[in-house]
Amino acid sequence: MAQRTADGFEARILPHLDDAYTLARHLLGDDHDAQDAVQDAALRAFRHFAGFRGDNARAWFLSIVRNCCHTLRAGRAVDRATVPFGEQHLAIVRDTDRTDAAAIAQSDRALVTQALAEMPVEFREVLVLREVQGLSYAEIGDVVGVPAGTVMSRLSRGRRRLAEKLGLTGKEAS
């Protein structure tokens, strides 16, 4: 029985680890916190996998990741005076031959990432789940625990806020 559970977990949950990390990264804004949240979520999912009866393991696992992110965020005080220094900063120093196009693309990506990070979590999580993860409205509703109509409303308002933050007009944003 234990082997069967482990095999099922491996087949149904582990393929979604990248999605889990992407969601956690966007919700927490930190690589290490995202890794911690996904690890905690995977452990929780494994412990309770025998009781999973749903059809959509991806949505089930992402809802656990979301909950772990909220728990982690609530439990940690954020030091606003600290500026994160990551691998991407080292790459700028190391790679002096980078083209202008790559710099512009990175700058655009950084603007979108920053604008997304500044949004309230209720909009950020549905935008990431829909636009990055490609989940359906129903799947997002399962992950977030709200009806599909609420998902659509949050997506609409989230897209509008993101466009405003990026300085896009309504026509450019659609």
Foldseek 3Di string as FASTA:
>chain_A
DLVVLVVVCCVQPVVCLVVLLLLLCLLQVDNVRSVVLSVVLSVVCSVCVVVDDDDRSNLVSSLSSVVSSVVSVVPDDDDPVDDDDDPVNVCCVVDPPDDPVVVVVVVVVVLLSVLLSPDPSLLSNLCCCCVVVVDDLVSSCSSVVHDSVVSVVSPVVSLVSSCVSVVHDPVVSD
